[in-house]
């Protein structure tokens, strides 16, 4: 299979796992459960769980221990989109060609759907603790093996919570919301990088770190994966800023020029196109150098990282 075929297969598998862990719509909470599924199953390439799975394989991971975390991370990503779309935030009416959750179910139910996805994410990740006592063929593991799997699942849970929380994605969103109310000259590159590193890169860091942790990678290797993922996330966002300037609505699939229209401070506005492109190239090369430095190589993971950063839409 070529890269696109492999990505489609991995994305479909990630979507299957996500769907399996989403609660069924029943009882008095059926409406919010329906809204949660509507939000989470709205399409997309499922890049974060795919990155997690590929990082898991890179370090020799086997079996299903990674699957609850793959689903959990995608739930967190989608809850953030539900809340981002709300009238009090970005006030968006469409996402991925469909009406946003609040437009279908109303503001209040959309808030609850986002809350439900966030809480369900941690319920789902906690399912990994039910899997630490047995091997992939159902055999009972030794106390030492079980303890190792338990420690890995607990460490992965810590990473998931931190990267999704106030010292990760929510912290970045906070700085982004506040930046919109500041005079443009007050938005510094330091603040902008903080936003990119947390609002965008934190969940990519969670994906690649958790995959490595669950496969048994040591802390030094996990730290290197975190650095690579941070570069990927920041470069991804800078590329997004570049495309808003140089692309077309037809190519990008969404309106372009919105940053300038909204007088939004971006990396391109602060540094210009030439430096922005050079920094995307530098960050991507550093990320790929890290991935290529491990004893085992993953050509697909390297291609996936490169495709995220150099995308044209």
Protein backbone atom coordinates (compact mmCIF):
# COMPACT_ATOMS: atom_id res chain seq x y z
CA UNK A 1 0.00 0.00 0.00
CA UNK A 2 1.10 3.55 -0.65
CA UNK A 3 1.04 6.29 1.97
CA UNK A 4 -2.49 7.52 1.23
CA UNK A 5 -3.91 3.99 1.31
CA UNK A 6 -2.18 3.23 4.60
CA UNK A 7 -3.40 6.48 6.12
CA UNK A 8 -6.97 5.74 5.02
CA UNK A 9 -6.75 2.28 6.58
CA UNK A 10 -5.30 3.60 9.85
CA UNK A 11 -7.91 6.39 10.00
CA UNK A 12 -10.75 3.94 9.45
CA UNK A 13 -9.44 1.71 12.24
CA UNK A 14 -9.16 4.71 14.60
CA UNK A 15 -12.75 5.66 13.75
CA UNK A 16 -13.93 2.11 14.45
CA UNK A 17 -12.26 2.20 17.87
CA UNK A 18 -13.74 5.61 18.66
CA UNK A 19 -17.24 4.48 17.67
CA UNK A 20 -16.95 1.35 19.79
CA UNK A 21 -16.13 3.36 22.92
CA UNK A 22 -18.82 6.01 22.47
CA UNK A 23 -21.85 5.29 24.69
CA UNK A 24 -25.09 4.16 23.12
CA UNK A 25 -27.92 6.70 22.96
CA UNK A 26 -30.49 5.55 25.51
CA UNK A 27 -32.46 6.70 28.54
CA UNK A 28 -33.11 10.23 29.73
CA UNK A 29 -29.61 11.29 28.61
CA UNK A 30 -30.23 10.06 25.04
CA UNK A 31 -30.19 13.55 23.51
CA UNK A 32 -26.79 14.53 24.88
CA UNK A 33 -25.43 11.09 23.94
CA UNK A 34 -26.74 11.60 20.42
CA UNK A 35 -25.12 15.04 20.29
CA UNK A 36 -21.83 13.56 21.50
CA UNK A 37 -21.86 10.95 18.74
CA UNK A 38 -22.87 13.56 16.15
CA UNK A 39 -19.88 15.67 17.18
CA UNK A 40 -17.31 12.90 17.46
CA UNK A 41 -18.29 11.04 14.29
CA UNK A 42 -18.33 14.09 12.02
CA UNK A 43 -15.40 12.97 9.89
CA UNK A 44 -11.75 13.97 9.78
CA UNK A 45 -8.60 11.89 9.32
CA UNK A 46 -8.29 10.93 13.02
CA UNK A 47 -4.70 12.09 12.93
CA UNK A 48 -4.11 12.17 16.69
CA UNK A 49 -5.08 8.55 17.37
CA UNK A 50 -3.18 7.50 14.24
CA UNK A 51 -0.08 9.31 15.52
CA UNK A 52 -0.54 7.57 18.88
CA UNK A 53 -0.81 4.15 17.30
CA UNK A 54 2.20 4.67 15.04
CA UNK A 55 4.27 5.88 18.01
CA UNK A 56 3.14 2.77 19.89
CA UNK A 57 4.35 0.58 17.02
CA UNK A 58 7.63 2.50 16.74
CA UNK A 59 8.63 1.30 20.21
CA UNK A 60 7.45 -2.27 19.72
CA UNK A 61 3.96 -1.94 21.20
CA UNK A 62 1.58 -4.84 20.67
CA UNK A 63 -2.06 -5.48 21.47
CA UNK A 64 -5.05 -3.37 22.41
CA UNK A 65 -3.79 -1.48 25.48
CA UNK A 66 -3.40 1.64 23.34
CA UNK A 67 -6.98 1.58 22.01
CA UNK A 68 -8.82 3.20 24.96
CA UNK A 69 -6.32 6.05 24.86
CA UNK A 70 -6.74 6.46 21.10
CA UNK A 71 -10.50 6.86 21.56
CA UNK A 72 -10.07 9.10 24.60
CA UNK A 73 -7.75 11.52 22.82
CA UNK A 74 -10.13 11.84 19.88
CA UNK A 75 -13.00 12.52 22.28
CA UNK A 76 -10.98 15.32 23.87
CA UNK A 77 -10.09 16.79 20.49
CA UNK A 78 -13.74 16.78 19.42
CA UNK A 79 -15.04 18.22 22.69
CA UNK A 80 -12.68 21.16 22.14
CA UNK A 81 -14.11 21.67 18.64
CA UNK A 82 -17.69 21.60 19.94
CA UNK A 83 -16.87 24.32 22.46
CA UNK A 84 -14.77 26.32 19.96
CA UNK A 85 -17.75 26.51 17.61
CA UNK A 86 -20.14 27.94 20.23
CA UNK A 87 -21.48 31.49 19.80
CA UNK A 88 -19.53 32.57 22.88
CA UNK A 89 -16.29 31.39 21.26
CA UNK A 90 -15.85 31.34 17.45
CA UNK A 91 -19.56 31.35 16.56
CA UNK A 92 -19.10 28.89 13.68
CA UNK A 93 -22.15 27.37 12.01
CA UNK A 94 -20.43 24.71 9.89
CA UNK A 95 -17.58 22.25 10.43
CA UNK A 96 -16.45 19.60 7.93
CA UNK A 97 -19.39 20.42 5.71
CA UNK A 98 -22.04 19.83 8.39
CA UNK A 99 -23.87 22.12 10.78
CA UNK A 100 -21.98 22.49 14.04
CA UNK A 101 -23.32 20.81 17.16
CA UNK A 102 -24.84 23.94 18.66
CA UNK A 103 -26.67 24.72 15.42
CA UNK A 104 -28.28 21.26 15.49
CA UNK A 105 -28.89 20.77 19.21
CA UNK A 106 -28.78 24.30 20.64
CA UNK A 107 -26.20 26.08 22.79
CA UNK A 108 -27.00 24.36 26.06
CA UNK A 109 -26.97 20.82 24.69
CA UNK A 110 -23.73 21.55 22.79
CA UNK A 111 -22.08 22.65 26.05
CA UNK A 112 -23.26 19.40 27.66
CA UNK A 113 -22.09 17.36 24.64
CA UNK A 114 -18.61 18.85 24.97
CA UNK A 115 -18.62 18.22 28.71
CA UNK A 116 -19.85 14.68 28.09
CA UNK A 117 -17.07 13.94 25.61
CA UNK A 118 -14.42 15.24 28.00
CA UNK A 119 -15.68 13.15 30.91
CA UNK A 120 -16.23 10.12 28.68
CA UNK A 121 -12.62 10.45 27.51
CA UNK A 122 -11.31 9.74 31.00
CA UNK A 123 -13.83 6.96 31.60
CA UNK A 124 -12.60 5.44 28.34
CA UNK A 125 -8.89 5.83 29.11
CA UNK A 126 -9.49 4.24 32.52
CA UNK A 127 -10.67 1.09 30.72
CA UNK A 128 -6.98 0.41 30.10
CA UNK A 129 -6.62 -0.52 33.77
CA UNK A 130 -8.98 -3.44 33.18
CA UNK A 131 -6.56 -4.68 30.55
CA UNK A 132 -3.33 -4.72 32.56
CA UNK A 133 -3.82 -8.09 34.23
CA UNK A 134 -4.05 -10.21 31.10
CA UNK A 135 -2.01 -10.56 27.93
CA UNK A 136 -3.32 -10.20 24.42
CA UNK A 137 -4.30 -13.89 24.23
CA UNK A 138 -6.15 -13.79 27.54
CA UNK A 139 -3.38 -15.41 29.56
CA UNK A 140 -2.76 -14.18 33.09
CA UNK A 141 0.39 -12.11 33.30
CA UNK A 142 2.97 -12.28 36.05
CA UNK A 143 2.76 -9.76 38.87
CA UNK A 144 5.82 -7.98 37.47
CA UNK A 145 4.36 -7.76 33.95
CA UNK A 146 1.02 -6.54 35.24
CA UNK A 147 2.72 -3.94 37.42
CA UNK A 148 4.66 -2.65 34.42
CA UNK A 149 1.50 -2.32 32.33
CA UNK A 150 -0.29 -0.62 35.23
CA UNK A 151 2.53 1.93 35.62
CA UNK A 152 2.47 2.64 31.88
CA UNK A 153 -1.31 3.16 31.87
CA UNK A 154 -1.08 5.46 34.91
CA UNK A 155 1.71 7.51 33.31
CA UNK A 156 -0.28 7.74 30.09
CA UNK A 157 -3.30 8.98 32.05
CA UNK A 158 -1.16 11.70 33.64
CA UNK A 159 0.06 12.86 30.24
CA UNK A 160 -3.47 12.86 28.81
CA UNK A 161 -4.82 14.98 31.67
CA UNK A 162 -1.96 17.48 31.64
CA UNK A 163 -1.83 18.00 27.88
CA UNK A 164 -5.62 18.48 27.71
CA UNK A 165 -5.78 20.77 30.74
CA UNK A 166 -4.78 24.19 31.99
CA UNK A 167 -1.09 23.47 31.44
CA UNK A 168 -1.84 22.32 27.90
CA UNK A 169 -4.70 22.84 25.47
CA UNK A 170 -7.00 24.84 27.77
CA UNK A 171 -4.12 27.12 28.77
CA UNK A 172 -3.44 27.78 25.09
CA UNK A 173 -7.10 28.46 24.42
CA UNK A 174 -7.20 30.91 27.33
CA UNK A 175 -4.25 32.86 25.94
CA UNK A 176 -5.84 32.81 22.48
CA UNK A 177 -9.18 34.16 23.70
CA UNK A 178 -7.45 36.94 25.63
CA UNK A 179 -5.24 37.80 22.66
CA UNK A 180 -8.34 38.60 20.62
CA UNK A 181 -9.16 41.45 23.02
CA UNK A 182 -5.64 42.92 23.05
CA UNK A 183 -4.32 45.62 20.73
CA UNK A 184 -2.38 43.84 17.92
CA UNK A 185 0.89 45.45 19.00
CA UNK A 186 0.51 43.82 22.43
CA UNK A 187 0.45 40.28 21.01
CA UNK A 188 4.09 39.24 21.15
CA UNK A 189 5.78 36.30 19.47
CA UNK A 190 6.26 34.78 22.93
CA UNK A 191 2.50 34.79 23.53
CA UNK A 192 1.81 33.48 20.04
CA UNK A 193 4.23 30.58 20.46
CA UNK A 194 2.66 29.79 23.84
CA UNK A 195 -0.73 29.58 22.11
CA UNK A 196 0.60 27.34 19.33
CA UNK A 197 2.55 25.09 21.71
CA UNK A 198 -0.49 24.53 23.90
CA UNK A 199 -3.67 25.02 21.91
CA UNK A 200 -2.39 23.07 18.89
CA UNK A 201 0.70 21.08 19.83
CA UNK A 202 -0.33 19.75 23.27
CA UNK A 203 -2.67 17.05 21.97
CA UNK A 204 -0.13 16.01 19.33
CA UNK A 205 2.42 15.71 22.14
CA UNK A 206 -0.08 13.61 24.12
CA UNK A 207 -0.58 11.31 21.13
CA UNK A 208 3.07 10.60 20.50
CA UNK A 209 4.10 10.45 24.16
CA UNK A 210 1.28 8.09 25.18
CA UNK A 211 2.01 5.75 22.28
CA UNK A 212 5.64 5.54 23.37
CA UNK A 213 4.78 5.15 27.07
CA UNK A 214 2.32 2.30 26.52
CA UNK A 215 4.90 0.49 24.38
CA UNK A 216 7.41 0.64 27.23
CA UNK A 217 9.73 3.42 26.02
CA UNK A 218 11.96 4.96 28.66
CA UNK A 219 11.58 8.55 29.88
CA UNK A 220 14.41 9.87 27.71
CA UNK A 221 12.76 8.49 24.58
CA UNK A 222 9.36 9.84 25.67
CA UNK A 223 10.91 13.29 26.18
CA UNK A 224 12.35 13.17 22.65
CA UNK A 225 8.94 12.24 21.26
CA UNK A 226 7.47 15.20 23.13
CA UNK A 227 10.00 17.55 21.51
CA UNK A 228 9.31 16.15 18.06
CA UNK A 229 5.56 16.47 18.57
CA UNK A 230 5.87 20.05 19.80
CA UNK A 231 7.76 20.95 16.62
CA UNK A 232 5.09 19.24 14.53
CA UNK A 233 2.29 21.12 16.28
CA UNK A 234 3.89 24.54 16.02
CA UNK A 235 4.91 24.00 12.39
CA UNK A 236 1.38 22.77 11.63
CA UNK A 237 -0.10 25.99 13.00
CA UNK A 238 2.40 28.23 11.22
CA UNK A 239 1.59 26.41 7.98
CA UNK A 240 -2.08 27.09 8.69
CA UNK A 241 -1.27 30.79 8.99
CA UNK A 242 0.67 30.67 5.72
CA UNK A 243 -2.17 28.95 3.87
CA UNK A 244 -4.62 31.60 5.07
CA UNK A 245 -2.49 34.11 3.16
CA UNK A 246 -1.41 32.25 0.03
CA UNK A 247 -4.06 29.60 -0.63
CA UNK A 248 -7.53 29.81 -2.18
CA UNK A 249 -10.94 28.96 -0.75
CA UNK A 250 -11.27 26.17 -3.31
CA UNK A 251 -7.94 24.57 -2.40
CA UNK A 252 -8.26 25.05 1.35
CA UNK A 253 -11.91 24.08 1.70
CA UNK A 254 -12.64 27.07 3.95
CA UNK A 255 -12.53 30.86 3.59
CA UNK A 256 -9.03 32.37 3.27
CA UNK A 257 -7.89 35.80 4.35
CA UNK A 258 -9.97 35.58 7.53
CA UNK A 259 -6.99 36.33 9.79
CA UNK A 260 -6.33 39.65 8.06
CA UNK A 261 -10.03 40.45 7.87
CA UNK A 262 -10.39 39.89 11.62
CA UNK A 263 -7.19 41.82 12.34
CA UNK A 264 -5.79 38.70 13.98
CA UNK A 265 -2.12 38.55 14.90
CA UNK A 266 -0.51 35.48 13.35
CA UNK A 267 3.01 34.14 12.98
CA UNK A 268 3.03 35.36 9.38
CA UNK A 269 1.91 38.83 10.38
CA UNK A 270 4.71 39.07 12.96
CA UNK A 271 7.50 37.48 10.93
CA UNK A 272 6.54 37.63 7.24
CA UNK A 273 6.07 34.80 4.77
CA UNK A 274 9.75 34.11 4.11
CA UNK A 275 10.73 33.61 7.76
CA UNK A 276 7.52 31.72 8.48
CA UNK A 277 8.27 29.26 5.69
CA UNK A 278 11.87 28.92 6.86
CA UNK A 279 10.71 28.19 10.41
CA UNK A 280 8.25 25.54 9.21
CA UNK A 281 11.14 23.91 7.34
CA UNK A 282 13.45 24.11 10.38
CA UNK A 283 10.87 22.74 12.82
CA UNK A 284 9.91 19.89 10.49
CA UNK A 285 13.53 18.90 9.89
CA UNK A 286 14.20 18.86 13.64
CA UNK A 287 11.11 16.70 14.26
CA UNK A 288 12.06 14.25 11.54
CA UNK A 289 15.67 14.10 12.77
CA UNK A 290 14.38 13.01 16.17
CA UNK A 291 12.15 10.30 14.68
CA UNK A 292 15.02 9.06 12.54
CA UNK A 293 17.36 8.88 15.53
CA UNK A 294 15.67 5.87 17.13
CA UNK A 295 16.98 2.37 16.60
CA UNK A 296 13.81 1.36 14.75
CA UNK A 297 12.45 3.54 11.94
CA UNK A 298 8.84 4.06 10.90
CA UNK A 299 8.70 5.36 7.31
CA UNK A 300 4.93 5.78 7.53
CA UNK A 301 5.13 7.88 10.72
CA UNK A 302 7.84 10.04 9.15
CA UNK A 303 5.71 10.53 6.02
CA UNK A 304 2.67 11.35 8.16
CA UNK A 305 4.56 14.02 10.09
CA UNK A 306 5.92 15.51 6.88
CA UNK A 307 2.47 15.53 5.27
CA UNK A 308 0.94 17.39 8.23
CA UNK A 309 3.51 20.14 8.07
CA UNK A 310 3.78 20.60 4.31
CA UNK A 311 0.06 20.21 3.55
CA UNK A 312 -1.60 22.56 1.08
CA UNK A 313 -5.08 22.31 2.59
